[in-house]
Amino acid sequence: MCLMRKVLWAVSAAVVLVVGTGASAGAGDRAIAPEADVAHHGRVALTNGRLSVWLLTESHGPGSLANATVRLAFSVPPAGAQALPAGCLWAGDRMVFCATGALRAGGVGRQFALELRTVGAPDEVVVTVGTQWNGGATDRNPQNNEHRVLAPATGDSYAF
């Protein structure tokens, strides 16, 4: 019995060692998601059917990101096909995606300025700002990258 118990202990130890090593090797082969606090800040203004959006996207850290995509959605459709800043594209008749490029942790981020004409002259526009993609990073503070801004047609800037 004593010999059998020693064999079982040896086999158990070998299994733990092999499984543990396999798990580590497997984890080493898979990319582990970085942690990066993506943040969007800016302002929105609406006057006489002209919608201005200024946006700054950055990573508050602790990690940097090779790229991220910010999503801007509008409650009122912009009029016709309009030019967008470099790195941005239309994702529908009321939505724009913008690639941020590299975001260094704690560094100055990417800035965007959109000047759009709306259909008609609405009394207000709601602009929804959010992260569409962040490279798979873990973001423990999503409150600073998801915003909904109401901009009455006063010409005043509304910050987020």
Protein backbone atom coordinates (compact mmCIF):
# COMPACT_ATOMS: atom_id res chain seq x y z
CA MET A 1 0.00 0.00 0.00
CA CYS A 2 2.78 2.39 0.84
CA LEU A 3 4.36 1.92 -2.59
CA MET A 4 1.00 2.50 -4.29
CA ARG A 5 0.52 5.73 -2.33
CA LYS A 6 3.99 6.96 -3.38
CA VAL A 7 3.22 6.18 -7.03
CA LEU A 8 -0.09 8.07 -6.82
CA TRP A 9 1.66 11.07 -5.26
CA ALA A 10 4.34 11.00 -7.95
CA VAL A 11 1.76 10.75 -10.74
CA SER A 12 -0.33 13.55 -9.19
CA ALA A 13 2.72 15.78 -8.89
CA ALA A 14 3.67 15.05 -12.51
CA VAL A 15 0.14 15.87 -13.70
CA VAL A 16 0.11 19.15 -11.77
CA LEU A 17 3.51 20.04 -13.16
CA VAL A 18 2.53 19.21 -16.76
CA VAL A 19 -0.88 20.91 -16.55
CA GLY A 20 0.61 23.95 -14.82
CA THR A 21 3.37 24.19 -17.40
CA GLY A 22 0.89 23.72 -20.22
CA ALA A 23 -1.33 26.46 -18.88
CA SER A 24 1.62 28.83 -18.58
CA ALA A 25 2.86 27.98 -22.04
CA GLY A 26 -0.63 28.46 -23.43
CA ALA A 27 -0.98 31.81 -21.70
CA GLY A 28 2.39 32.87 -23.07
CA ASP A 29 1.19 32.08 -26.58
CA ARG A 30 -1.97 34.18 -26.20
CA ALA A 31 -1.86 37.93 -26.07
CA ILE A 32 -3.00 39.25 -22.71
CA ALA A 33 -5.22 42.32 -23.04
CA PRO A 34 -3.58 45.52 -21.82
CA GLU A 35 -5.37 47.85 -19.43
CA ALA A 36 -5.97 51.31 -20.85
CA ASP A 37 -8.43 53.97 -19.76
CA VAL A 38 -9.67 55.42 -23.05
CA ALA A 39 -11.28 58.83 -22.57
CA HIS A 40 -13.15 61.15 -24.93
CA HIS A 41 -13.57 64.82 -24.11
CA GLY A 42 -14.73 67.71 -26.22
CA ARG A 43 -17.53 70.05 -27.08
CA VAL A 44 -20.53 70.28 -29.40
CA ALA A 45 -22.22 73.38 -30.81
CA LEU A 46 -25.22 73.85 -33.11
CA THR A 47 -26.21 77.05 -34.86
CA ASN A 48 -28.29 77.66 -38.01
CA GLY A 49 -28.05 74.03 -39.14
CA ARG A 50 -24.28 73.82 -38.64
CA LEU A 51 -23.02 71.23 -36.18
CA SER A 52 -19.49 71.60 -34.81
CA VAL A 53 -17.87 68.75 -32.89
CA TRP A 54 -14.40 69.00 -31.37
CA LEU A 55 -13.09 65.80 -29.82
CA LEU A 56 -9.95 64.71 -27.97
CA THR A 57 -9.35 60.99 -27.42
CA GLU A 58 -6.58 59.81 -25.12
CA SER A 59 -5.44 56.93 -22.92
CA HIS A 60 -5.16 57.76 -19.24
CA GLY A 61 -3.21 54.52 -18.82
CA PRO A 62 -1.73 52.49 -17.41
CA GLY A 63 -1.18 51.08 -20.90
CA SER A 64 -0.78 52.65 -24.31
CA LEU A 65 -2.82 51.57 -27.32
CA ALA A 66 -1.74 51.06 -30.91
CA ASN A 67 -5.12 52.30 -32.09
CA ALA A 68 -8.73 52.82 -31.07
CA THR A 69 -11.93 53.79 -32.86
CA VAL A 70 -14.32 56.44 -31.61
CA ARG A 71 -17.97 56.43 -32.67
CA LEU A 72 -20.02 59.62 -33.15
CA ALA A 73 -23.78 59.24 -33.69
CA PHE A 74 -26.16 62.09 -34.47
CA SER A 75 -29.90 62.34 -33.73
CA VAL A 76 -30.37 64.46 -36.86
CA PRO A 77 -28.88 63.32 -40.15
CA PRO A 78 -26.17 65.48 -41.67
CA ALA A 79 -27.05 66.89 -45.10
CA GLY A 80 -25.66 64.88 -48.02
CA ALA A 81 -22.12 63.57 -48.37
CA GLN A 82 -19.73 65.75 -46.41
CA ALA A 83 -15.97 65.68 -46.05
CA LEU A 84 -14.56 64.29 -42.81
CA PRO A 85 -11.14 64.67 -41.18
CA ALA A 86 -8.41 62.19 -42.12
CA GLY A 87 -8.92 58.87 -40.34
CA CYS A 88 -12.73 59.26 -40.21
CA LEU A 89 -15.41 57.63 -42.32
CA TRP A 90 -19.18 57.48 -42.55
CA ALA A 91 -20.61 54.34 -40.94
CA GLY A 92 -24.20 55.15 -41.90
CA ASP A 93 -26.30 58.22 -42.55
CA ARG A 94 -26.01 59.34 -38.89
CA MET A 95 -22.77 57.77 -37.68
CA VAL A 96 -19.06 58.46 -38.09
CA PHE A 97 -16.09 56.29 -37.00
CA CYS A 98 -12.66 57.87 -36.45
CA ALA A 99 -9.40 55.95 -35.95
CA THR A 100 -7.29 57.53 -33.25
CA GLY A 101 -3.93 56.07 -34.15
CA ALA A 102 -1.49 55.36 -31.34
CA LEU A 103 -2.54 56.59 -27.89
CA ARG A 104 0.40 56.85 -25.50
CA ALA A 105 -0.59 56.38 -21.85
CA GLY A 106 -0.81 59.76 -20.17
CA GLY A 107 0.18 61.56 -23.36
CA VAL A 108 -1.64 63.99 -25.58
CA GLY A 109 -4.22 62.16 -27.65
CA ARG A 110 -5.71 62.53 -31.11
CA GLN A 111 -7.90 65.56 -31.82
CA PHE A 112 -10.74 65.70 -34.35
CA ALA A 113 -12.80 68.65 -35.57
CA LEU A 114 -15.98 68.01 -37.55
CA GLU A 115 -18.00 70.78 -39.19
CA LEU A 116 -21.25 69.34 -40.55
CA ARG A 117 -24.40 70.79 -42.07
CA THR A 118 -27.63 69.23 -40.80
CA VAL A 119 -30.80 68.49 -42.75
CA GLY A 120 -32.81 71.66 -42.17
CA ALA A 121 -32.24 73.82 -39.13
CA PRO A 122 -33.11 71.65 -36.11
CA ASP A 123 -33.80 73.16 -32.69
CA GLU A 124 -31.38 70.65 -31.11
CA VAL A 125 -29.12 67.72 -31.88
CA VAL A 126 -28.04 64.89 -29.60
CA VAL A 127 -24.50 63.65 -30.24
CA THR A 128 -23.55 60.30 -28.76
CA VAL A 129 -19.81 59.70 -28.36
CA GLY A 130 -18.31 56.34 -27.48
CA THR A 131 -15.54 53.85 -28.01
CA GLN A 132 -16.33 51.47 -30.85
CA TRP A 133 -13.05 49.53 -30.52
CA ASN A 134 -10.06 49.82 -28.19
CA GLY A 135 -7.85 46.99 -29.34
CA GLY A 136 -9.29 44.58 -26.80
CA ALA A 137 -7.95 46.53 -23.82
CA THR A 138 -9.59 46.36 -20.42
CA ASP A 139 -11.10 49.71 -19.50
CA ARG A 140 -12.11 49.92 -15.84
CA ASN A 141 -13.48 53.44 -16.23
CA PRO A 142 -15.89 53.43 -19.21
CA GLN A 143 -17.76 56.46 -17.84
CA ASN A 144 -15.26 58.82 -19.44
CA ASN A 145 -15.58 57.38 -22.93
CA GLU A 146 -19.36 57.15 -23.31
CA HIS A 147 -21.19 60.48 -23.58
CA ARG A 148 -24.56 61.76 -24.74
CA VAL A 149 -24.58 65.51 -25.40
CA LEU A 150 -27.67 67.61 -26.06
CA ALA A 151 -26.82 70.68 -28.12
CA PRO A 152 -29.65 73.23 -28.47
CA ALA A 153 -29.38 75.50 -31.52
CA THR A 154 -28.00 78.42 -29.50
CA GLY A 155 -24.47 78.46 -30.88
CA ASP A 156 -23.14 77.76 -27.38
CA SER A 157 -20.56 75.01 -26.85
CA TYR A 158 -21.63 72.10 -24.66
CA ALA A 159 -18.71 70.24 -23.10
CA PHE A 160 -18.36 66.56 -22.33
